[in-house]
């Protein structure tokens, strides 16, 4: 897949050093951003306030900032479906 029009990154409520260790442990090749204020998690409706963690969720957002796909739960860890959605969006727009 041509990735010029796409970017993958993770967001976690953990501190940057914890994110770095997590990425290293799993061999993650994309950037993990820190949402220690929990604002992004709240704004996207995935923060569990009572337990103080963010639910694992994958969002596919187009260039205009419109959410095109949401996947949550265990399957959100595997980016395969998100990549397929991105590929489909690119094909719909006529770009190759």
C-alpha atoms as a PDB file:
ATOM      1  CA  UNK A   1       0.000   0.000   0.000  1.00  0.00           C
ATOM      2  CA  UNK A   2       1.251   3.469  -0.867  1.00  0.00           C
ATOM      3  CA  UNK A   3       1.340   5.253   2.483  1.00  0.00           C
ATOM      4  CA  UNK A   4       2.023   8.808   1.297  1.00  0.00           C
ATOM      5  CA  UNK A   5      -1.544   9.792   2.141  1.00  0.00           C
ATOM      6  CA  UNK A   6      -1.722   7.954   5.452  1.00  0.00           C
ATOM      7  CA  UNK A   7      -0.209   8.134   8.887  1.00  0.00           C
ATOM      8  CA  UNK A   8      -0.503   5.678  11.741  1.00  0.00           C
ATOM      9  CA  UNK A   9       0.023   6.687  15.342  1.00  0.00           C
ATOM     10  CA  UNK A  10      -1.140   5.567  18.744  1.00  0.00           C
ATOM     11  CA  UNK A  11      -2.367   7.632  21.638  1.00  0.00           C
ATOM     12  CA  UNK A  12      -2.108   6.458  25.213  1.00  0.00           C
ATOM     13  CA  UNK A  13      -2.892   8.072  28.558  1.00  0.00           C
ATOM     14  CA  UNK A  14       0.482   6.828  29.786  1.00  0.00           C
ATOM     15  CA  UNK A  15       3.595   9.002  30.088  1.00  0.00           C
ATOM     16  CA  UNK A  16       6.023   9.166  27.142  1.00  0.00           C
ATOM     17  CA  UNK A  17       8.629   6.877  28.821  1.00  0.00           C
ATOM     18  CA  UNK A  18       5.944   4.215  29.391  1.00  0.00           C
ATOM     19  CA  UNK A  19       4.806   4.536  25.785  1.00  0.00           C
ATOM     20  CA  UNK A  20       8.386   4.132  24.571  1.00  0.00           C
ATOM     21  CA  UNK A  21       8.857   0.983  26.646  1.00  0.00           C
ATOM     22  CA  UNK A  22       5.509  -0.433  25.451  1.00  0.00           C
ATOM     23  CA  UNK A  23       6.428   0.273  21.805  1.00  0.00           C
ATOM     24  CA  UNK A  24       9.819  -1.360  22.254  1.00  0.00           C
ATOM     25  CA  UNK A  25       8.302  -4.429  23.914  1.00  0.00           C
ATOM     26  CA  UNK A  26       5.763  -4.938  21.124  1.00  0.00           C
ATOM     27  CA  UNK A  27       8.018  -3.832  18.272  1.00  0.00           C
ATOM     28  CA  UNK A  28       5.637  -1.004  17.334  1.00  0.00           C
ATOM     29  CA  UNK A  29       7.004   0.962  14.396  1.00  0.00           C
ATOM     30  CA  UNK A  30       4.650   3.950  14.584  1.00  0.00           C
ATOM     31  CA  UNK A  31       4.763   6.876  16.983  1.00  0.00           C
ATOM     32  CA  UNK A  32       2.904   6.632  20.297  1.00  0.00           C
ATOM     33  CA  UNK A  33       1.619   9.966  21.578  1.00  0.00           C
ATOM     34  CA  UNK A  34       0.854  10.717  25.221  1.00  0.00           C
ATOM     35  CA  UNK A  35      -2.598  11.902  26.337  1.00  0.00           C
ATOM     36  CA  UNK A  36      -1.777  12.315  30.019  1.00  0.00           C
ATOM     37  CA  UNK A  37      -4.418  15.054  30.379  1.00  0.00           C
ATOM     38  CA  UNK A  38      -6.950  12.545  28.968  1.00  0.00           C
ATOM     39  CA  UNK A  39      -8.496  15.285  26.804  1.00  0.00           C
ATOM     40  CA  UNK A  40      -8.247  13.382  23.513  1.00  0.00           C
ATOM     41  CA  UNK A  41      -9.610  10.205  25.109  1.00  0.00           C
ATOM     42  CA  UNK A  42     -12.535  12.172  26.571  1.00  0.00           C
ATOM     43  CA  UNK A  43     -13.188  14.028  23.309  1.00  0.00           C
ATOM     44  CA  UNK A  44     -13.346  10.740  21.381  1.00  0.00           C
ATOM     45  CA  UNK A  45     -15.561   9.130  24.031  1.00  0.00           C
ATOM     46  CA  UNK A  46     -13.215   6.279  24.884  1.00  0.00           C
ATOM     47  CA  UNK A  47     -12.124   7.246  28.397  1.00  0.00           C
ATOM     48  CA  UNK A  48     -13.453   5.100  31.212  1.00  0.00           C
ATOM     49  CA  UNK A  49     -13.559   7.789  33.920  1.00  0.00           C
ATOM     50  CA  UNK A  50     -14.347   5.352  36.708  1.00  0.00           C
ATOM     51  CA  UNK A  51     -11.416   3.032  35.962  1.00  0.00           C
ATOM     52  CA  UNK A  52      -9.150   5.813  34.561  1.00  0.00           C
ATOM     53  CA  UNK A  53      -8.119   4.074  31.363  1.00  0.00           C
ATOM     54  CA  UNK A  54      -8.894   4.527  27.683  1.00  0.00           C
ATOM     55  CA  UNK A  55     -10.618   1.718  25.818  1.00  0.00           C
ATOM     56  CA  UNK A  56      -8.561   0.292  22.956  1.00  0.00           C
ATOM     57  CA  UNK A  57     -10.014   1.829  19.846  1.00  0.00           C
ATOM     58  CA  UNK A  58      -8.890   2.365  16.274  1.00  0.00           C
ATOM     59  CA  UNK A  59     -10.156   5.401  14.395  1.00  0.00           C
ATOM     60  CA  UNK A  60      -9.695   5.900  10.661  1.00  0.00           C
ATOM     61  CA  UNK A  61      -9.881   9.632   9.998  1.00  0.00           C
ATOM     62  CA  UNK A  62      -9.842  11.073   6.482  1.00  0.00           C
ATOM     63  CA  UNK A  63      -7.913  14.163   5.352  1.00  0.00           C
ATOM     64  CA  UNK A  64     -10.890  16.384   6.134  1.00  0.00           C
ATOM     65  CA  UNK A  65     -10.934  15.134   9.737  1.00  0.00           C
ATOM     66  CA  UNK A  66     -14.061  12.998   9.301  1.00  0.00           C
ATOM     67  CA  UNK A  67     -14.077   9.685  11.173  1.00  0.00           C
ATOM     68  CA  UNK A  68     -14.664   6.986   8.556  1.00  0.00           C
ATOM     69  CA  UNK A  69     -14.348   3.875  10.711  1.00  0.00           C
ATOM     70  CA  UNK A  70     -14.193   2.953  14.397  1.00  0.00           C
ATOM     71  CA  UNK A  71     -13.036  -0.396  15.700  1.00  0.00           C
ATOM     72  CA  UNK A  72     -12.873  -1.182  19.390  1.00  0.00           C
ATOM     73  CA  UNK A  73     -12.041  -4.051  21.663  1.00  0.00           C
ATOM     74  CA  UNK A  74      -9.368  -6.660  21.068  1.00  0.00           C
ATOM     75  CA  UNK A  75      -9.518  -6.313  17.280  1.00  0.00           C
ATOM     76  CA  UNK A  76      -8.453  -2.659  17.594  1.00  0.00           C
ATOM     77  CA  UNK A  77      -4.920  -3.820  18.406  1.00  0.00           C
ATOM     78  CA  UNK A  78      -4.461  -5.345  14.932  1.00  0.00           C
ATOM     79  CA  UNK A  79      -4.206  -2.590  12.274  1.00  0.00           C
ATOM     80  CA  UNK A  80      -5.148  -4.917   9.372  1.00  0.00           C
ATOM     81  CA  UNK A  81      -8.759  -3.753   9.133  1.00  0.00           C
ATOM     82  CA  UNK A  82      -7.791  -0.076   9.452  1.00  0.00           C
ATOM     83  CA  UNK A  83      -5.279  -0.497   6.616  1.00  0.00           C
ATOM     84  CA  UNK A  84      -7.987  -2.080   4.449  1.00  0.00           C
ATOM     85  CA  UNK A  85     -10.319   0.860   5.206  1.00  0.00           C
ATOM     86  CA  UNK A  86      -7.575   3.363   4.294  1.00  0.00           C
ATOM     87  CA  UNK A  87      -6.907   1.509   1.048  1.00  0.00           C
ATOM     88  CA  UNK A  88     -10.634   1.591   0.240  1.00  0.00           C
ATOM     89  CA  UNK A  89     -10.834   5.320   0.938  1.00  0.00           C
ATOM     90  CA  UNK A  90      -7.886   5.965  -1.338  1.00  0.00           C
ATOM     91  CA  UNK A  91      -9.425   3.876  -4.142  1.00  0.00           C
ATOM     92  CA  UNK A  92     -12.770   5.715  -3.785  1.00  0.00           C
ATOM     93  CA  UNK A  93     -10.994   9.044  -4.193  1.00  0.00           C
ATOM     94  CA  UNK A  94      -9.323   7.785  -7.392  1.00  0.00           C
ATOM     95  CA  UNK A  95      -5.761   8.014  -6.053  1.00  0.00           C
ATOM     96  CA  UNK A  96      -3.398   5.114  -6.528  1.00  0.00           C
END
